Every structure is written in C-alpha cells, then in structure tokens.
Amino acid sequence: MGIRDMIEGKKQWRAHMARVKALPPDYQIVYKEMQRYFFKVGPVDLLEGTLLSGIVDFFEEGVAGGKGVLELIGDDVAAFCDDLIKDSRTNADIYQESISGKSGPAER
C-alpha cells in the first residue's frame, strides 16, 4: 500500500464519517455501537468491503422515510449485526480455530 492509497483511504473514511455525522443523533449512536461491535468481532474483510457504507445508506433511507432507527433494525442491535455478518469469516472464527488447532479455509 503506497502513500497515495493511504491518503485516498483517509479521504474516503472522512467522507464516510461526515455522512454518519449528518444522521440524527439516535442513528449516530446506533451506528457507533454497530461499528464498535464490528471492529471487535466483525468480518475479517470489514475495511475492504461495503458493510459500513451499506449501513449508512440503509440508515439514510430510514431517515428519509421518517422511521426511527429501532424500527429499522429492531431492539437487539447485536443480533442485527450478527445477521449481517452470518456468512462472513470473523475475527472470532480465526481465534476459535487458533485455540482448537484447526486450520481455516484460507490456510488449507
């Protein structure tokens, strides 16, 4: 990764966070909790994928439709997050494989 790639990545991240800050406060709170959850447990390809920007798109549509954030995702934010990444390889999967001695699909 070159310096230009890092600079471009920072620009994209700042633009993404500007979109988050434009959301109503309740949406921002839920987004930040989801982001924290994904960074802790989430998919290995989180930063390369479109998961976070897709969530912002989804939230922007909800705001435009006049819905509250919990109307969109339900009361259990973690369950909603788990459903989004159910088919993705996660950091938790890698950890479980490392302590059990099994090799994951990438290591085979």
C-alpha atoms as a PDB file:
ATOM      1  CA  MET A   1       0.000   0.000   0.000  1.00  0.00           C
ATOM      2  CA  GLY A   2       1.503   3.274  -1.108  1.00  0.00           C
ATOM      3  CA  ILE A   3       1.193   6.718   0.407  1.00  0.00           C
ATOM      4  CA  ARG A   4      -1.399   7.728  -2.194  1.00  0.00           C
ATOM      5  CA  ASP A   5      -3.545   4.747  -1.239  1.00  0.00           C
ATOM      6  CA  MET A   6      -3.350   5.708   2.422  1.00  0.00           C
ATOM      7  CA  ILE A   7      -4.277   9.316   1.666  1.00  0.00           C
ATOM      8  CA  GLU A   8      -7.196   8.209  -0.512  1.00  0.00           C
ATOM      9  CA  GLY A   9      -8.339   5.800   2.177  1.00  0.00           C
ATOM     10  CA  LYS A  10      -8.311   8.598   4.749  1.00  0.00           C
ATOM     11  CA  LYS A  11     -10.335  10.841   2.440  1.00  0.00           C
ATOM     12  CA  GLN A  12     -12.899   8.105   1.920  1.00  0.00           C
ATOM     13  CA  TRP A  13     -13.118   7.422   5.656  1.00  0.00           C
ATOM     14  CA  ARG A  14     -13.603  11.117   6.440  1.00  0.00           C
ATOM     15  CA  ALA A  15     -16.353  11.373   3.813  1.00  0.00           C
ATOM     16  CA  HIS A  16     -17.983   8.284   5.301  1.00  0.00           C
ATOM     17  CA  MET A  17     -17.858   9.721   8.826  1.00  0.00           C
ATOM     18  CA  ALA A  18     -19.287  13.027   7.547  1.00  0.00           C
ATOM     19  CA  ARG A  19     -22.300  11.058   6.295  1.00  0.00           C
ATOM     20  CA  VAL A  20     -22.644   9.440   9.724  1.00  0.00           C
ATOM     21  CA  LYS A  21     -22.493  12.837  11.457  1.00  0.00           C
ATOM     22  CA  ALA A  22     -25.296  14.080   9.181  1.00  0.00           C
ATOM     23  CA  LEU A  23     -27.651  11.408  10.581  1.00  0.00           C
ATOM     24  CA  PRO A  24     -29.987  12.157  13.515  1.00  0.00           C
ATOM     25  CA  PRO A  25     -28.458  11.571  16.983  1.00  0.00           C
ATOM     26  CA  ASP A  26     -30.234   8.257  17.629  1.00  0.00           C
ATOM     27  CA  TYR A  27     -28.961   6.864  14.329  1.00  0.00           C
ATOM     28  CA  GLN A  28     -25.443   8.062  15.129  1.00  0.00           C
ATOM     29  CA  ILE A  29     -25.481   6.312  18.495  1.00  0.00           C
ATOM     30  CA  VAL A  30     -26.632   3.018  16.999  1.00  0.00           C
ATOM     31  CA  TYR A  31     -24.160   3.303  14.113  1.00  0.00           C
ATOM     32  CA  LYS A  32     -21.258   3.865  16.513  1.00  0.00           C
ATOM     33  CA  GLU A  33     -22.316   0.844  18.587  1.00  0.00           C
ATOM     34  CA  MET A  34     -22.532  -1.271  15.437  1.00  0.00           C
ATOM     35  CA  GLN A  35     -19.151  -0.012  14.283  1.00  0.00           C
ATOM     36  CA  ARG A  36     -17.592  -0.841  17.659  1.00  0.00           C
ATOM     37  CA  TYR A  37     -19.168  -4.314  17.527  1.00  0.00           C
ATOM     38  CA  PHE A  38     -17.883  -4.977  14.010  1.00  0.00           C
ATOM     39  CA  PHE A  39     -14.374  -3.774  14.821  1.00  0.00           C
ATOM     40  CA  LYS A  40     -14.297  -6.103  17.811  1.00  0.00           C
ATOM     41  CA  VAL A  41     -15.988  -9.215  16.409  1.00  0.00           C
ATOM     42  CA  GLY A  42     -16.710  -8.451  12.818  1.00  0.00           C
ATOM     43  CA  PRO A  43     -15.689  -9.792   9.475  1.00  0.00           C
ATOM     44  CA  VAL A  44     -12.045 -10.005   8.503  1.00  0.00           C
ATOM     45  CA  ASP A  45     -12.676  -8.016   5.310  1.00  0.00           C
ATOM     46  CA  LEU A  46     -14.561  -5.226   7.099  1.00  0.00           C
ATOM     47  CA  LEU A  47     -12.460  -2.343   5.833  1.00  0.00           C
ATOM     48  CA  GLU A  48     -12.219  -3.642   2.255  1.00  0.00           C
ATOM     49  CA  GLY A  49     -15.938  -4.351   1.992  1.00  0.00           C
ATOM     50  CA  THR A  50     -19.042  -2.211   1.731  1.00  0.00           C
ATOM     51  CA  LEU A  51     -20.681  -3.233   5.005  1.00  0.00           C
ATOM     52  CA  LEU A  52     -20.289   0.066   6.864  1.00  0.00           C
ATOM     53  CA  SER A  53     -21.214   2.259   3.899  1.00  0.00           C
ATOM     54  CA  GLY A  54     -24.192  -0.007   3.225  1.00  0.00           C
ATOM     55  CA  ILE A  55     -25.391   0.534   6.784  1.00  0.00           C
ATOM     56  CA  VAL A  56     -25.150   4.303   6.312  1.00  0.00           C
ATOM     57  CA  ASP A  57     -27.122   4.001   3.050  1.00  0.00           C
ATOM     58  CA  PHE A  58     -29.761   1.940   4.884  1.00  0.00           C
ATOM     59  CA  PHE A  59     -29.932   4.492   7.707  1.00  0.00           C
ATOM     60  CA  GLU A  60     -30.216   7.412   5.271  1.00  0.00           C
ATOM     61  CA  GLU A  61     -33.169   5.688   3.618  1.00  0.00           C
ATOM     62  CA  GLY A  62     -34.762   5.189   7.042  1.00  0.00           C
ATOM     63  CA  VAL A  63     -34.327   8.867   7.888  1.00  0.00           C
ATOM     64  CA  ALA A  64     -35.843   9.852   4.531  1.00  0.00           C
ATOM     65  CA  GLY A  65     -38.771   7.528   5.253  1.00  0.00           C
ATOM     66  CA  GLY A  66     -39.308   9.109   8.659  1.00  0.00           C
ATOM     67  CA  LYS A  67     -38.561   5.927  10.601  1.00  0.00           C
ATOM     68  CA  GLY A  68     -36.750   5.599  13.890  1.00  0.00           C
ATOM     69  CA  VAL A  69     -33.554   3.592  13.931  1.00  0.00           C
ATOM     70  CA  LEU A  70     -35.015   0.843  16.117  1.00  0.00           C
ATOM     71  CA  GLU A  71     -37.929   0.482  13.691  1.00  0.00           C
ATOM     72  CA  LEU A  72     -35.344  -0.440  11.044  1.00  0.00           C
ATOM     73  CA  ILE A  73     -33.102  -2.800  12.966  1.00  0.00           C
ATOM     74  CA  GLY A  74     -35.140  -3.938  15.970  1.00  0.00           C
ATOM     75  CA  ASP A  75     -34.330  -3.764  19.661  1.00  0.00           C
ATOM     76  CA  ASP A  76     -31.331  -6.112  19.590  1.00  0.00           C
ATOM     77  CA  VAL A  77     -28.506  -4.324  17.805  1.00  0.00           C
ATOM     78  CA  ALA A  78     -26.044  -7.202  18.275  1.00  0.00           C
ATOM     79  CA  ALA A  79     -28.463  -9.710  16.743  1.00  0.00           C
ATOM     80  CA  PHE A  80     -28.929  -7.394  13.750  1.00  0.00           C
ATOM     81  CA  CYS A  81     -25.137  -7.145  13.383  1.00  0.00           C
ATOM     82  CA  ASP A  82     -24.715 -10.905  13.685  1.00  0.00           C
ATOM     83  CA  ASP A  83     -27.305 -11.413  10.957  1.00  0.00           C
ATOM     84  CA  LEU A  84     -25.411  -9.060   8.641  1.00  0.00           C
ATOM     85  CA  ILE A  85     -22.156 -10.989   9.001  1.00  0.00           C
ATOM     86  CA  LYS A  86     -23.511 -14.520   9.417  1.00  0.00           C
ATOM     87  CA  ASP A  87     -21.819 -15.799   6.236  1.00  0.00           C
ATOM     88  CA  SER A  88     -18.559 -13.893   6.715  1.00  0.00           C
ATOM     89  CA  ARG A  89     -15.350 -15.130   8.275  1.00  0.00           C
ATOM     90  CA  THR A  90     -14.844 -13.222  11.524  1.00  0.00           C
ATOM     91  CA  ASN A  91     -12.003 -12.498  13.915  1.00  0.00           C
ATOM     92  CA  ALA A  92     -13.828 -14.714  16.415  1.00  0.00           C
ATOM     93  CA  ASP A  93     -13.698 -17.606  13.914  1.00  0.00           C
ATOM     94  CA  ILE A  94      -9.952 -17.144  13.482  1.00  0.00           C
ATOM     95  CA  TYR A  95      -9.461 -17.107  17.241  1.00  0.00           C
ATOM     96  CA  GLN A  96     -11.549 -20.248  17.734  1.00  0.00           C
ATOM     97  CA  GLU A  97      -9.560 -22.036  15.041  1.00  0.00           C
ATOM     98  CA  SER A  98      -6.261 -20.976  16.599  1.00  0.00           C
ATOM     99  CA  ILE A  99      -7.141 -22.369  20.011  1.00  0.00           C
ATOM    100  CA  SER A 100      -8.652 -25.559  18.649  1.00  0.00           C
ATOM    101  CA  GLY A 101      -5.732 -26.255  16.326  1.00  0.00           C
ATOM    102  CA  LYS A 102      -7.888 -26.440  13.204  1.00  0.00           C
ATOM    103  CA  SER A 103      -6.871 -24.667  10.026  1.00  0.00           C
ATOM    104  CA  GLY A 104      -9.330 -22.296   8.407  1.00  0.00           C
ATOM    105  CA  PRO A 105     -10.285 -22.174   4.722  1.00  0.00           C
ATOM    106  CA  ALA A 106      -7.526 -19.632   3.980  1.00  0.00           C
ATOM    107  CA  GLU A 107      -4.879 -21.899   5.489  1.00  0.00           C
ATOM    108  CA  ARG A 108      -5.864 -25.074   3.603  1.00  0.00           C
END
